[in-house]
Every structure is written in structure tokens, then in C-alpha cells.
Amino acid sequence: MSMMKEFKDFAVKGNVVDMAVGIVIGASFGKIVTALVAGVIMPPIGVLLGGVNFTDLAIVVKDAVGDAPAVVISYGAFIQTVIDFTLIALAIFVIVKGINKLKKKEQAEPKAPPAPNAQEILLTEIRDLLKAKS
């Protein structure tokens, strides 16, 4: 089997396409959740914490000298990223929990069994005839 044929078989399989669609949708959803956290959730949290902007928190290791910029440890950006991650994870958890709840509801509803097809009816009649002969 040539390498090109193997690649074609791999790339055209449904799982690869499904995965690609999932990644694209996931990236878009990530942007939505990031915007939600940055624009809607974090401003009230900042107000509750006294207007602290975490991204500005830093420790100056060495002051700027001439053209050389200051050397700083920006621990505030790290704190902000951890908070963003926690809130994003919480938002995704709530959404997945809601979807799972809907799925459970869907599964709990009893479904009527499908009507037997002609072949099943015929096989049932043959079984009953054989039972009657015994």
C-alpha cells in the first residue's frame, strides 16, 4: 500500500473529519467563553476586590536603565490566567452538565418498540408452527 493511499484512507475516515470539526468548534467556543470571562465575569470580581487589576501586579527585579527595559516578574498575569482558566473550566462544566441532563431526560423517555418487518413476522409464524408440531 502506497503512503499516499494510506494517507488518503486516514484523512477521509469519519473520525478524522469529526475530530477536525470538533477542534474548530472548540476553538470558537473557547473564544466565546474567554470573552464572557474577560468582559462579563471579571469586571464585577475586580470591583468586589477593590478595583485590583491582577495583570498590573509585578515585582521589579531591576529598574530600567537607559534604553534597557526594566526586568520584572509579572506574577499578576499568572494569577489572572489561573482565574480565567478556573472560570472557563467552571463555565464548560456547567454547559456539559446541562447537556448531560438533557441526554438523560431523552434516554429516560420510553420509546415504543419498532414494528416488526415482514421477515420478522414470517420467522415468528414459522417458529410458532414448529412449536405447534412438537
C-alpha atoms as a PDB file:
ATOM      1  CA  MET A   1       0.000   0.000   0.000  1.00  0.00           C
ATOM      2  CA  SER A   2       1.500   3.317  -1.019  1.00  0.00           C
ATOM      3  CA  MET A   3       1.986   6.061   1.503  1.00  0.00           C
ATOM      4  CA  MET A   4      -0.314   8.395  -0.440  1.00  0.00           C
ATOM      5  CA  LYS A   5      -3.151   5.823  -0.388  1.00  0.00           C
ATOM      6  CA  GLU A   6      -2.670   5.231   3.334  1.00  0.00           C
ATOM      7  CA  PHE A   7      -2.799   8.981   3.970  1.00  0.00           C
ATOM      8  CA  LYS A   8      -5.933   9.310   1.843  1.00  0.00           C
ATOM      9  CA  ASP A   9      -7.628   6.462   3.745  1.00  0.00           C
ATOM     10  CA  PHE A  10      -6.643   8.090   7.043  1.00  0.00           C
ATOM     11  CA  ALA A  11      -7.718  11.618   6.095  1.00  0.00           C
ATOM     12  CA  VAL A  12     -11.095  10.632   4.641  1.00  0.00           C
ATOM     13  CA  LYS A  13     -12.221   8.477   7.561  1.00  0.00           C
ATOM     14  CA  GLY A  14     -15.173   9.886   9.501  1.00  0.00           C
ATOM     15  CA  ASN A  15     -13.291  10.059  12.796  1.00  0.00           C
ATOM     16  CA  VAL A  16     -10.669  12.434  11.429  1.00  0.00           C
ATOM     17  CA  VAL A  17     -13.277  14.732   9.922  1.00  0.00           C
ATOM     18  CA  ASP A  18     -15.349  14.641  13.127  1.00  0.00           C
ATOM     19  CA  MET A  19     -12.249  15.449  15.155  1.00  0.00           C
ATOM     20  CA  ALA A  20     -11.366  18.381  12.875  1.00  0.00           C
ATOM     21  CA  VAL A  21     -14.889  19.791  13.179  1.00  0.00           C
ATOM     22  CA  GLY A  22     -14.719  19.377  16.962  1.00  0.00           C
ATOM     23  CA  ILE A  23     -11.408  21.227  17.156  1.00  0.00           C
ATOM     24  CA  VAL A  24     -12.688  24.143  15.054  1.00  0.00           C
ATOM     25  CA  ILE A  25     -15.900  24.410  17.068  1.00  0.00           C
ATOM     26  CA  GLY A  26     -13.923  24.041  20.310  1.00  0.00           C
ATOM     27  CA  ALA A  27     -11.592  26.886  19.346  1.00  0.00           C
ATOM     28  CA  SER A  28     -14.556  29.112  18.513  1.00  0.00           C
ATOM     29  CA  PHE A  29     -16.311  28.158  21.745  1.00  0.00           C
ATOM     30  CA  GLY A  30     -13.090  28.918  23.636  1.00  0.00           C
ATOM     31  CA  LYS A  31     -13.138  32.460  22.245  1.00  0.00           C
ATOM     32  CA  ILE A  32     -16.757  32.886  23.336  1.00  0.00           C
ATOM     33  CA  VAL A  33     -16.044  31.686  26.867  1.00  0.00           C
ATOM     34  CA  THR A  34     -12.876  33.809  27.085  1.00  0.00           C
ATOM     35  CA  ALA A  35     -14.863  36.894  26.050  1.00  0.00           C
ATOM     36  CA  LEU A  36     -17.520  36.021  28.638  1.00  0.00           C
ATOM     37  CA  VAL A  37     -14.931  35.694  31.397  1.00  0.00           C
ATOM     38  CA  ALA A  38     -12.945  38.809  30.422  1.00  0.00           C
ATOM     39  CA  GLY A  39     -15.870  41.088  29.621  1.00  0.00           C
ATOM     40  CA  VAL A  40     -18.701  39.951  31.888  1.00  0.00           C
ATOM     41  CA  ILE A  41     -17.414  37.953  34.846  1.00  0.00           C
ATOM     42  CA  MET A  42     -14.062  39.588  35.693  1.00  0.00           C
ATOM     43  CA  PRO A  43     -15.200  43.254  35.937  1.00  0.00           C
ATOM     44  CA  PRO A  44     -17.585  42.577  38.864  1.00  0.00           C
ATOM     45  CA  ILE A  45     -14.923  40.426  40.543  1.00  0.00           C
ATOM     46  CA  GLY A  46     -12.448  43.294  40.136  1.00  0.00           C
ATOM     47  CA  VAL A  47     -14.945  45.693  41.747  1.00  0.00           C
ATOM     48  CA  LEU A  48     -15.546  43.270  44.634  1.00  0.00           C
ATOM     49  CA  LEU A  49     -11.792  43.049  45.216  1.00  0.00           C
ATOM     50  CA  GLY A  50     -11.444  46.822  45.389  1.00  0.00           C
ATOM     51  CA  GLY A  51     -10.605  47.535  41.761  1.00  0.00           C
ATOM     52  CA  VAL A  52      -7.469  45.381  41.702  1.00  0.00           C
ATOM     53  CA  ASN A  53      -6.265  44.628  38.197  1.00  0.00           C
ATOM     54  CA  PHE A  54      -4.212  41.471  38.550  1.00  0.00           C
ATOM     55  CA  THR A  55      -2.379  41.903  35.254  1.00  0.00           C
ATOM     56  CA  ASP A  56      -0.626  45.012  36.606  1.00  0.00           C
ATOM     57  CA  LEU A  57       0.855  43.223  39.634  1.00  0.00           C
ATOM     58  CA  ALA A  58       4.589  42.674  39.260  1.00  0.00           C
ATOM     59  CA  ILE A  59       7.858  42.659  41.162  1.00  0.00           C
ATOM     60  CA  VAL A  60      10.622  44.853  39.743  1.00  0.00           C
ATOM     61  CA  VAL A  61      13.867  42.898  39.838  1.00  0.00           C
ATOM     62  CA  LYS A  62      15.959  45.560  38.110  1.00  0.00           C
ATOM     63  CA  ASP A  63      14.934  49.112  37.220  1.00  0.00           C
ATOM     64  CA  ALA A  64      15.129  50.356  33.656  1.00  0.00           C
ATOM     65  CA  VAL A  65      18.487  51.881  32.795  1.00  0.00           C
ATOM     66  CA  GLY A  66      18.787  53.987  29.644  1.00  0.00           C
ATOM     67  CA  ASP A  67      17.353  52.034  26.694  1.00  0.00           C
ATOM     68  CA  ALA A  68      17.275  48.750  28.614  1.00  0.00           C
ATOM     69  CA  PRO A  69      13.781  47.943  29.878  1.00  0.00           C
ATOM     70  CA  ALA A  70      13.096  47.041  33.483  1.00  0.00           C
ATOM     71  CA  VAL A  71      13.293  43.394  34.495  1.00  0.00           C
ATOM     72  CA  VAL A  72      10.018  42.405  36.160  1.00  0.00           C
ATOM     73  CA  ILE A  73       8.324  39.273  37.400  1.00  0.00           C
ATOM     74  CA  SER A  74       4.714  39.630  36.255  1.00  0.00           C
ATOM     75  CA  TYR A  75       3.021  37.379  38.768  1.00  0.00           C
ATOM     76  CA  GLY A  76      -0.273  39.251  38.258  1.00  0.00           C
ATOM     77  CA  ALA A  77      -0.587  37.944  34.692  1.00  0.00           C
ATOM     78  CA  PHE A  78      -0.166  34.421  36.062  1.00  0.00           C
ATOM     79  CA  ILE A  79      -2.855  34.981  38.709  1.00  0.00           C
ATOM     80  CA  GLN A  80      -5.197  36.402  36.039  1.00  0.00           C
ATOM     81  CA  THR A  81      -4.577  33.380  33.794  1.00  0.00           C
ATOM     82  CA  VAL A  82      -5.301  30.956  36.652  1.00  0.00           C
ATOM     83  CA  ILE A  83      -8.547  32.791  37.462  1.00  0.00           C
ATOM     84  CA  ASP A  84      -9.519  32.828  33.760  1.00  0.00           C
ATOM     85  CA  PHE A  85      -8.819  29.090  33.491  1.00  0.00           C
ATOM     86  CA  THR A  86     -10.858  28.331  36.610  1.00  0.00           C
ATOM     87  CA  LEU A  87     -13.835  30.347  35.387  1.00  0.00           C
ATOM     88  CA  ILE A  88     -13.629  28.874  31.875  1.00  0.00           C
ATOM     89  CA  ALA A  89     -13.457  25.358  33.306  1.00  0.00           C
ATOM     90  CA  LEU A  90     -16.476  26.136  35.506  1.00  0.00           C
ATOM     91  CA  ALA A  91     -18.450  27.505  32.543  1.00  0.00           C
ATOM     92  CA  ILE A  92     -17.661  24.439  30.432  1.00  0.00           C
ATOM     93  CA  PHE A  93     -18.575  22.153  33.359  1.00  0.00           C
ATOM     94  CA  VAL A  94     -21.968  23.835  33.732  1.00  0.00           C
ATOM     95  CA  ILE A  95     -22.658  23.573  29.993  1.00  0.00           C
ATOM     96  CA  VAL A  96     -21.618  19.898  29.810  1.00  0.00           C
ATOM     97  CA  LYS A  97     -23.693  19.139  32.925  1.00  0.00           C
ATOM     98  CA  GLY A  98     -26.740  20.748  31.257  1.00  0.00           C
ATOM     99  CA  ILE A  99     -26.199  18.769  28.050  1.00  0.00           C
ATOM    100  CA  ASN A 100     -25.838  15.530  30.028  1.00  0.00           C
ATOM    101  CA  LYS A 101     -29.060  16.321  31.900  1.00  0.00           C
ATOM    102  CA  LEU A 102     -30.883  16.764  28.583  1.00  0.00           C
ATOM    103  CA  LYS A 103     -29.442  13.483  27.296  1.00  0.00           C
ATOM    104  CA  LYS A 104     -30.566  11.624  30.433  1.00  0.00           C
ATOM    105  CA  LYS A 105     -34.057  13.071  30.041  1.00  0.00           C
ATOM    106  CA  GLU A 106     -34.093  11.955  26.420  1.00  0.00           C
ATOM    107  CA  GLN A 107     -32.957   8.444  27.372  1.00  0.00           C
ATOM    108  CA  ALA A 108     -35.463   8.182  30.226  1.00  0.00           C
ATOM    109  CA  GLU A 109     -38.436   8.738  27.936  1.00  0.00           C
ATOM    110  CA  PRO A 110     -39.754   5.318  26.923  1.00  0.00           C
ATOM    111  CA  LYS A 111     -39.764   4.726  23.222  1.00  0.00           C
ATOM    112  CA  ALA A 112     -42.223   2.419  21.544  1.00  0.00           C
ATOM    113  CA  PRO A 113     -40.525  -0.614  20.044  1.00  0.00           C
ATOM    114  CA  PRO A 114     -40.376  -0.523  16.258  1.00  0.00           C
ATOM    115  CA  ALA A 115     -42.993  -2.547  14.404  1.00  0.00           C
ATOM    116  CA  PRO A 116     -41.669  -5.894  13.177  1.00  0.00           C
ATOM    117  CA  ASN A 117     -40.803  -6.057   9.488  1.00  0.00           C
ATOM    118  CA  ALA A 118     -42.160  -8.690   7.092  1.00  0.00           C
ATOM    119  CA  GLN A 119     -39.197 -11.021   7.602  1.00  0.00           C
ATOM    120  CA  GLU A 120     -39.588 -10.972  11.393  1.00  0.00           C
ATOM    121  CA  ILE A 121     -43.319 -11.678  11.083  1.00  0.00           C
ATOM    122  CA  LEU A 122     -42.619 -14.626   8.778  1.00  0.00           C
ATOM    123  CA  LEU A 123     -39.956 -16.016  11.118  1.00  0.00           C
ATOM    124  CA  THR A 124     -42.338 -15.678  14.071  1.00  0.00           C
ATOM    125  CA  GLU A 125     -45.025 -17.618  12.210  1.00  0.00           C
ATOM    126  CA  ILE A 126     -42.540 -20.375  11.301  1.00  0.00           C
ATOM    127  CA  ARG A 127     -41.395 -20.574  14.938  1.00  0.00           C
ATOM    128  CA  ASP A 128     -44.980 -20.842  16.149  1.00  0.00           C
ATOM    129  CA  LEU A 129     -45.767 -23.584  13.581  1.00  0.00           C
ATOM    130  CA  LEU A 130     -42.707 -25.555  14.651  1.00  0.00           C
ATOM    131  CA  LYS A 131     -43.704 -25.206  18.320  1.00  0.00           C
ATOM    132  CA  ALA A 132     -47.231 -26.381  17.492  1.00  0.00           C
ATOM    133  CA  LYS A 133     -45.872 -29.554  15.748  1.00  0.00           C
ATOM    134  CA  SER A 134     -43.784 -30.519  18.781  1.00  0.00           C
END
